[in-house]
């Protein structure tokens, strides 16, 4: 598209409730298709309300449909009206933007993904990528944490992954729940008794910023180097192309330099996002 600020029109072709506050939307993209990499994001417009960035929930070349999963925030300028839309509604789409996850750096290494809450959304395409090319990666483990069982998106997919020998999936909820017989505790408690080889392991961490410092501490205790901890930051973005400065952190722009960074790249910032 010649004008990076002009959205293309997409049609909502399917809507699915994932949790009480999160819904998945499948966006039909017509004959043009859409190509994006795991970890990239789009800017979505709800006409008459505004535009906001969202990580893609699927990735690939020439996609006929793009999936996003969006949490509704009370009073949210975009998320509230988006959750009111149904099949047939039209939205605007710009992108894809951002660098995505460093697949070349992950290949040949053990990979641990730590996803808290809505953080499962941007790492979902990465999980798909690793499972589709499983022989290119070493030991593969995924930690997923949520407040309650009802707050976990992609429940059917999590159930399917839990049966696959190619991935070690470990789930936890924050507090006991009558409908849950699995692990209970904050996501950092999944590190207890978990063994990793720090010389081989890359750790991908996505979730609410409050969890980051605690996950970093667990990784450091196990000897993981700063350059082997990888984050996707959820800092507010506007233009998506590094022009407005809204997402600037010192000399970095989350929308163009990121949203994926290693801890080594961001740990010294005066305004440290994690």
Protein backbone atom coordinates (compact mmCIF):
# COMPACT_ATOMS: atom_id res chain seq x y z
CA UNK A 1 0.00 0.00 0.00
CA UNK A 2 1.45 3.35 -1.07
CA UNK A 3 0.04 5.42 1.80
CA UNK A 4 1.13 3.88 5.09
CA UNK A 5 -1.41 6.02 6.97
CA UNK A 6 -4.42 4.90 4.90
CA UNK A 7 -6.16 1.75 6.16
CA UNK A 8 -7.40 -1.00 3.91
CA UNK A 9 -10.94 -2.21 4.49
CA UNK A 10 -11.49 -5.59 6.10
CA UNK A 11 -14.74 -7.38 6.90
CA UNK A 12 -15.38 -9.20 10.15
CA UNK A 13 -16.28 -12.71 9.01
CA UNK A 14 -16.36 -14.46 12.39
CA UNK A 15 -16.45 -13.57 16.08
CA UNK A 16 -15.76 -15.93 18.99
CA UNK A 17 -15.81 -15.26 22.70
CA UNK A 18 -12.59 -16.47 24.31
CA UNK A 19 -13.10 -15.21 27.87
CA UNK A 20 -15.63 -12.92 29.57
CA UNK A 21 -13.55 -9.91 28.45
CA UNK A 22 -11.76 -11.15 25.30
CA UNK A 23 -13.03 -11.93 21.82
CA UNK A 24 -11.39 -13.19 18.67
CA UNK A 25 -12.22 -11.52 15.37
CA UNK A 26 -11.45 -13.00 11.96
CA UNK A 27 -10.95 -10.28 9.37
CA UNK A 28 -11.64 -11.14 5.74
CA UNK A 29 -9.05 -9.52 3.51
CA UNK A 30 -10.34 -10.22 0.01
CA UNK A 31 -8.18 -11.26 -2.92
CA UNK A 32 -5.15 -9.25 -1.79
CA UNK A 33 -4.44 -11.46 1.20
CA UNK A 34 -2.23 -10.40 4.09
CA UNK A 35 1.26 -11.45 5.10
CA UNK A 36 2.79 -11.06 8.56
CA UNK A 37 5.32 -12.68 10.86
CA UNK A 38 4.86 -13.95 14.43
CA UNK A 39 5.19 -11.03 16.83
CA UNK A 40 4.15 -8.29 14.42
CA UNK A 41 1.11 -6.08 15.01
CA UNK A 42 -1.55 -4.16 13.10
CA UNK A 43 -3.38 -0.89 13.63
CA UNK A 44 -7.15 -1.48 13.60
CA UNK A 45 -9.72 1.27 13.05
CA UNK A 46 -13.29 1.16 14.30
CA UNK A 47 -14.80 3.84 12.13
CA UNK A 48 -16.17 6.78 14.05
CA UNK A 49 -14.30 5.78 17.21
CA UNK A 50 -10.57 5.52 16.63
CA UNK A 51 -7.58 3.32 15.94
CA UNK A 52 -5.49 1.08 18.21
CA UNK A 53 -2.63 -1.42 17.82
CA UNK A 54 -3.20 -5.15 18.31
CA UNK A 55 -0.83 -8.08 18.04
CA UNK A 56 -1.74 -10.62 15.38
CA UNK A 57 -3.06 -13.98 16.59
CA UNK A 58 -2.11 -15.82 13.40
CA UNK A 59 0.67 -15.32 10.90
CA UNK A 60 1.74 -16.45 7.46
CA UNK A 61 1.93 -15.53 3.80
CA UNK A 62 -1.10 -14.32 1.83
CA UNK A 63 -3.61 -15.02 4.58
CA UNK A 64 -7.23 -14.91 3.46
CA UNK A 65 -8.24 -14.13 7.04
CA UNK A 66 -6.35 -12.41 9.83
CA UNK A 67 -7.21 -13.23 13.45
CA UNK A 68 -6.90 -10.80 16.32
CA UNK A 69 -7.93 -11.37 19.93
CA UNK A 70 -8.91 -8.23 21.80
CA UNK A 71 -9.55 -7.56 25.47
CA UNK A 72 -12.37 -5.14 26.18
CA UNK A 73 -11.44 -2.37 28.57
CA UNK A 74 -14.31 -0.45 30.23
CA UNK A 75 -14.54 2.89 28.49
CA UNK A 76 -11.98 1.85 25.89
CA UNK A 77 -12.21 4.16 22.88
CA UNK A 78 -11.65 1.29 20.44
CA UNK A 79 -12.07 -1.96 22.37
CA UNK A 80 -15.60 -1.19 23.62
CA UNK A 81 -17.09 -0.42 20.18
CA UNK A 82 -15.10 -3.24 18.57
CA UNK A 83 -16.67 -5.76 20.95
CA UNK A 84 -20.09 -4.55 19.81
CA UNK A 85 -19.39 -5.37 16.15
CA UNK A 86 -20.61 -8.59 14.57
CA UNK A 87 -20.11 -10.52 11.35
CA UNK A 88 -20.43 -8.31 8.28
CA UNK A 89 -19.14 -5.15 9.94
CA UNK A 90 -16.21 -3.39 8.32
CA UNK A 91 -13.08 -2.11 9.98
CA UNK A 92 -9.86 -0.45 8.84
CA UNK A 93 -6.50 -2.18 8.96
CA UNK A 94 -2.94 -0.89 8.61
CA UNK A 95 0.22 -2.90 8.78
CA UNK A 96 1.79 -5.23 9.51
CA UNK A 97 4.24 -3.29 11.65
CA UNK A 98 7.18 -4.17 13.86
CA UNK A 99 10.08 -6.58 13.80
CA UNK A 100 8.43 -9.77 15.07
CA UNK A 101 10.12 -12.56 17.00
CA UNK A 102 13.71 -13.42 15.99
CA UNK A 103 13.09 -16.85 14.48
CA UNK A 104 16.65 -17.20 13.23
CA UNK A 105 17.97 -16.66 16.76
CA UNK A 106 15.52 -19.20 18.17
CA UNK A 107 16.24 -21.99 15.71
CA UNK A 108 18.51 -24.67 17.11
CA UNK A 109 17.90 -23.50 20.68
CA UNK A 110 15.69 -24.68 23.52
CA UNK A 111 12.73 -22.31 23.75
CA UNK A 112 10.69 -21.44 26.84
CA UNK A 113 7.64 -19.23 26.29
CA UNK A 114 6.16 -17.51 29.35
CA UNK A 115 2.72 -16.06 28.57
CA UNK A 116 0.63 -14.29 31.18
CA UNK A 117 -3.02 -13.47 30.50
CA UNK A 118 -3.60 -11.73 27.17
CA UNK A 119 0.12 -12.23 26.51
CA UNK A 120 -0.78 -15.61 25.01
CA UNK A 121 -2.18 -13.81 21.96
CA UNK A 122 1.05 -12.46 20.39
CA UNK A 123 3.01 -15.65 21.14
CA UNK A 124 0.34 -17.94 19.66
CA UNK A 125 1.72 -17.55 16.10
CA UNK A 126 5.20 -18.29 17.45
CA UNK A 127 3.92 -21.49 19.06
CA UNK A 128 2.32 -22.46 15.73
CA UNK A 129 5.60 -21.72 13.92
CA UNK A 130 7.69 -23.86 16.26
CA UNK A 131 5.22 -26.76 16.18
CA UNK A 132 5.10 -26.61 12.37
CA UNK A 133 8.92 -26.80 12.15
CA UNK A 134 9.55 -28.77 15.32
CA UNK A 135 12.77 -30.41 14.08
CA UNK A 136 14.43 -26.98 13.82
CA UNK A 137 14.18 -26.31 17.57
CA UNK A 138 15.38 -27.97 20.73
CA UNK A 139 13.37 -28.56 23.91
CA UNK A 140 10.11 -26.60 23.72
CA UNK A 141 8.19 -25.52 26.83
CA UNK A 142 5.25 -23.15 27.25
CA UNK A 143 4.12 -21.62 30.56
CA UNK A 144 0.63 -20.08 30.52
CA UNK A 145 -0.87 -18.23 33.47
CA UNK A 146 -4.27 -16.64 34.02
CA UNK A 147 -6.30 -15.31 36.92
CA UNK A 148 -8.96 -18.04 36.65
CA UNK A 149 -9.71 -20.91 34.22
CA UNK A 150 -12.29 -18.67 32.54
CA UNK A 151 -9.61 -16.07 31.79
CA UNK A 152 -7.56 -18.38 29.55
CA UNK A 153 -8.10 -17.75 25.83
CA UNK A 154 -7.93 -20.51 23.21
CA UNK A 155 -9.15 -23.20 25.61
CA UNK A 156 -9.67 -25.83 22.90
CA UNK A 157 -6.22 -25.19 21.51
CA UNK A 158 -4.60 -25.39 24.95
CA UNK A 159 -6.32 -28.74 25.45
CA UNK A 160 -4.95 -29.93 22.10
CA UNK A 161 -1.42 -28.73 22.86
CA UNK A 162 -1.51 -30.47 26.22
CA UNK A 163 -1.84 -33.80 24.39
CA UNK A 164 1.06 -33.19 22.00
CA UNK A 165 4.43 -34.71 22.91
CA UNK A 166 6.26 -32.02 20.90
CA UNK A 167 5.58 -29.36 23.53
CA UNK A 168 5.71 -29.33 27.33
CA UNK A 169 2.70 -27.17 28.21
CA UNK A 170 2.29 -26.05 31.82
CA UNK A 171 -0.78 -24.10 32.94
CA UNK A 172 -1.51 -22.26 36.16
CA UNK A 173 -4.16 -20.00 37.65
CA UNK A 174 -3.54 -17.39 40.32
CA UNK A 175 -5.97 -18.62 42.98
CA UNK A 176 -7.89 -21.86 43.65
CA UNK A 177 -11.05 -22.37 41.62
CA UNK A 178 -13.68 -25.13 41.95
CA UNK A 179 -13.47 -25.90 38.21
CA UNK A 180 -9.67 -26.27 38.21
CA UNK A 181 -7.62 -29.28 39.28
CA UNK A 182 -4.30 -28.14 37.82
CA UNK A 183 -1.45 -26.05 39.19
CA UNK A 184 -2.36 -23.02 41.31
CA UNK A 185 -0.04 -20.07 41.81
CA UNK A 186 1.45 -17.12 39.99
CA UNK A 187 3.15 -17.96 36.71
CA UNK A 188 6.57 -17.64 38.35
CA UNK A 189 5.80 -20.67 40.51
CA UNK A 190 6.04 -22.81 37.36
CA UNK A 191 9.80 -22.21 37.46
CA UNK A 192 10.03 -24.21 40.69
CA UNK A 193 11.64 -27.53 39.86
CA UNK A 194 11.90 -26.65 36.17
CA UNK A 195 15.31 -27.40 34.73
CA UNK A 196 16.81 -25.58 31.77
CA UNK A 197 20.22 -25.30 30.17
CA UNK A 198 21.05 -21.57 30.24
CA UNK A 199 23.64 -21.99 27.50
CA UNK A 200 20.96 -23.30 25.11
CA UNK A 201 17.74 -21.61 26.20
CA UNK A 202 15.93 -18.59 24.81
CA UNK A 203 13.05 -17.33 26.98
CA UNK A 204 10.20 -15.42 25.32
CA UNK A 205 8.19 -13.41 27.86
CA UNK A 206 4.87 -11.67 27.13
CA UNK A 207 2.23 -10.52 29.58
CA UNK A 208 1.30 -7.71 31.94
CA UNK A 209 4.33 -5.53 32.78
CA UNK A 210 3.88 -6.25 36.49
CA UNK A 211 4.99 -9.85 35.92
CA UNK A 212 8.17 -9.03 34.01
CA UNK A 213 10.55 -8.20 36.83
CA UNK A 214 9.59 -11.40 38.65
CA UNK A 215 10.08 -13.57 35.56
CA UNK A 216 13.42 -11.85 34.93
CA UNK A 217 14.49 -12.72 38.47
CA UNK A 218 13.57 -16.38 37.93
CA UNK A 219 15.48 -16.46 34.64
CA UNK A 220 18.54 -14.84 36.17
CA UNK A 221 18.49 -17.32 39.03
CA UNK A 222 18.68 -20.10 36.44
CA UNK A 223 21.55 -18.40 34.64
CA UNK A 224 19.76 -17.12 31.54
CA UNK A 225 21.71 -14.28 29.91
CA UNK A 226 20.13 -10.86 29.32
CA UNK A 227 20.39 -11.27 25.55
CA UNK A 228 18.50 -14.58 25.79
CA UNK A 229 15.41 -13.02 27.43
CA UNK A 230 13.04 -11.75 24.74
CA UNK A 231 10.06 -9.46 25.37
CA UNK A 232 7.18 -8.14 23.30
CA UNK A 233 6.30 -4.77 24.79
CA UNK A 234 2.73 -3.53 24.95
CA UNK A 235 3.53 0.16 25.14
CA UNK A 236 0.88 2.43 23.59
CA UNK A 237 1.50 3.06 19.91
CA UNK A 238 -0.22 5.43 17.49
CA UNK A 239 1.17 5.81 13.96
CA UNK A 240 2.98 2.46 13.82
CA UNK A 241 5.77 3.84 11.63
CA UNK A 242 8.01 5.79 14.03
CA UNK A 243 6.79 9.28 13.12
CA UNK A 244 4.59 10.45 16.00
CA UNK A 245 6.98 9.57 18.85
CA UNK A 246 4.14 8.33 21.05
CA UNK A 247 5.84 5.00 21.80
CA UNK A 248 9.38 6.32 22.19
CA UNK A 249 11.50 4.93 25.01
CA UNK A 250 14.65 7.02 25.03
CA UNK A 251 16.17 6.42 21.56
CA UNK A 252 13.99 3.39 20.71
CA UNK A 253 10.57 3.34 19.06
CA UNK A 254 8.47 0.36 20.10
CA UNK A 255 6.56 0.35 16.80
CA UNK A 256 9.61 0.20 14.50
CA UNK A 257 12.56 -0.97 16.62
CA UNK A 258 10.25 -3.45 18.34
CA UNK A 259 7.84 -4.44 19.67
CA UNK A 260 10.21 -7.34 20.31
CA UNK A 261 13.37 -6.57 22.30
CA UNK A 262 15.91 -8.53 24.29
CA UNK A 263 16.39 -7.60 27.92
CA UNK A 264 19.95 -6.59 27.05
CA UNK A 265 18.54 -3.93 24.70
CA UNK A 266 16.15 -2.29 27.15
CA UNK A 267 17.36 -2.89 30.70
CA UNK A 268 19.36 0.33 30.91
CA UNK A 269 16.65 2.72 29.78
CA UNK A 270 15.82 5.53 32.20
CA UNK A 271 12.15 4.80 31.54
CA UNK A 272 12.42 1.05 31.80
CA UNK A 273 9.13 -0.51 30.64
CA UNK A 274 9.62 -3.67 32.66
